């Protein structure tokens, strides 16, 4: 029984460490994004988004305001440790260039 507890504890520690590393990577990468950054550069900094919001269809987990022109796509990265509590979003125009970014935090 104690080996089982040790194995489960190690697995949980590894998972928690990974989630903390990923969250830190997203926060550091998010700070490097400026207006005009390309979608490819954003993906290199943050990895694949958790959700891709298309124009006029809001991702209502965090907002009721849709991505409207000049926004063509809004990319979302959710907090893996506390889903639904926090996220980062990046708005892209038709040329796939950053036109704004936002850090979402639930009250």
Protein backbone atom coordinates (compact mmCIF):
# COMPACT_ATOMS: atom_id res chain seq x y z
CA UNK A 1 0.00 0.00 0.00
CA UNK A 2 2.78 2.48 0.84
CA UNK A 3 4.45 1.91 -2.57
CA UNK A 4 1.15 2.76 -4.19
CA UNK A 5 0.92 6.01 -2.21
CA UNK A 6 4.52 6.89 -3.11
CA UNK A 7 3.90 6.21 -6.83
CA UNK A 8 0.69 8.25 -6.86
CA UNK A 9 2.41 11.08 -4.97
CA UNK A 10 5.29 11.14 -7.47
CA UNK A 11 2.90 11.17 -10.42
CA UNK A 12 0.94 14.04 -8.86
CA UNK A 13 4.15 16.00 -8.21
CA UNK A 14 5.30 15.53 -11.81
CA UNK A 15 1.89 16.63 -13.13
CA UNK A 16 1.79 19.66 -10.83
CA UNK A 17 5.35 20.60 -11.84
CA UNK A 18 4.41 20.38 -15.52
CA UNK A 19 1.32 22.56 -15.05
CA UNK A 20 3.32 25.15 -13.13
CA UNK A 21 6.03 25.17 -15.84
CA UNK A 22 3.40 25.55 -18.58
CA UNK A 23 1.65 28.38 -16.72
CA UNK A 24 4.94 30.21 -16.21
CA UNK A 25 5.86 29.73 -19.87
CA UNK A 26 2.54 31.26 -20.92
CA UNK A 27 2.93 34.23 -18.56
CA UNK A 28 6.49 34.97 -19.69
CA UNK A 29 5.60 34.46 -23.36
CA UNK A 30 2.50 36.62 -23.03
CA UNK A 31 4.60 39.55 -21.80
CA UNK A 32 6.76 39.33 -24.96
CA UNK A 33 3.80 39.74 -27.32
CA UNK A 34 3.42 43.23 -28.78
CA UNK A 35 1.14 44.73 -31.41
CA UNK A 36 2.05 43.40 -34.84
CA UNK A 37 3.45 40.08 -33.58
CA UNK A 38 2.57 37.32 -36.06
CA UNK A 39 0.36 34.37 -35.17
CA UNK A 40 3.33 32.05 -35.78
CA UNK A 41 5.42 33.99 -33.25
CA UNK A 42 2.58 33.92 -30.71
CA UNK A 43 2.23 30.14 -31.10
CA UNK A 44 5.98 29.75 -30.68
CA UNK A 45 5.84 31.73 -27.42
CA UNK A 46 2.65 30.24 -25.96
CA UNK A 47 2.12 26.91 -27.69
CA UNK A 48 -1.19 25.79 -29.16
CA UNK A 49 -4.22 27.70 -27.86
CA UNK A 50 -6.93 25.94 -25.88
CA UNK A 51 -9.62 27.59 -27.98
CA UNK A 52 -9.87 29.52 -31.26
CA UNK A 53 -12.71 32.03 -31.24
CA UNK A 54 -13.92 33.05 -34.67
CA UNK A 55 -15.29 36.46 -35.59
CA UNK A 56 -18.70 37.31 -34.06
CA UNK A 57 -18.94 34.09 -31.98
CA UNK A 58 -17.86 34.88 -28.38
CA UNK A 59 -16.11 32.36 -26.16
CA UNK A 60 -18.61 32.92 -23.39
CA UNK A 61 -16.58 31.14 -20.74
CA UNK A 62 -14.82 34.49 -20.21
CA UNK A 63 -16.63 37.14 -22.23
CA UNK A 64 -19.93 37.97 -23.85
CA UNK A 65 -18.26 40.42 -26.22
CA UNK A 66 -17.36 38.71 -29.49
CA UNK A 67 -14.28 39.24 -31.60
CA UNK A 68 -15.47 41.86 -34.12
CA UNK A 69 -13.63 43.59 -36.98
CA UNK A 70 -10.82 44.37 -37.19
CA UNK A 71 -10.51 41.20 -35.06
CA UNK A 72 -10.76 38.06 -37.19
CA UNK A 73 -9.69 35.46 -34.58
CA UNK A 74 -9.15 35.48 -30.82
CA UNK A 75 -6.85 32.81 -29.38
CA UNK A 76 -7.34 31.59 -25.80
CA UNK A 77 -4.96 29.93 -23.33
CA UNK A 78 -6.69 28.86 -20.12
CA UNK A 79 -5.12 28.45 -16.71
CA UNK A 80 -4.65 24.67 -16.45
CA UNK A 81 -4.52 24.70 -12.65
CA UNK A 82 -7.75 26.69 -12.30
CA UNK A 83 -9.82 26.36 -15.50
CA UNK A 84 -12.57 28.94 -15.74
CA UNK A 85 -10.73 31.26 -13.34
CA UNK A 86 -8.10 32.80 -15.60
CA UNK A 87 -6.93 32.93 -19.20
CA UNK A 88 -4.86 34.87 -21.71
CA UNK A 89 -6.29 35.96 -25.05
CA UNK A 90 -4.74 37.43 -28.17
CA UNK A 91 -6.75 39.08 -30.95
CA UNK A 92 -5.54 38.69 -34.52
CA UNK A 93 -6.59 40.65 -37.59
CA UNK A 94 -7.22 39.29 -41.09
CA UNK A 95 -3.43 39.28 -41.71
CA UNK A 96 -2.88 37.15 -38.57
CA UNK A 97 -1.13 39.98 -36.73
CA UNK A 98 -1.75 40.81 -33.06
CA UNK A 99 -4.05 43.79 -32.59
CA UNK A 100 -4.57 43.36 -28.82
CA UNK A 101 -4.04 40.99 -25.93
CA UNK A 102 -5.73 40.58 -22.58
CA UNK A 103 -5.31 38.70 -19.32
CA UNK A 104 -8.66 37.47 -18.00
CA UNK A 105 -9.25 36.88 -14.29
CA UNK A 106 -12.54 35.79 -12.79
CA UNK A 107 -13.77 37.93 -9.90
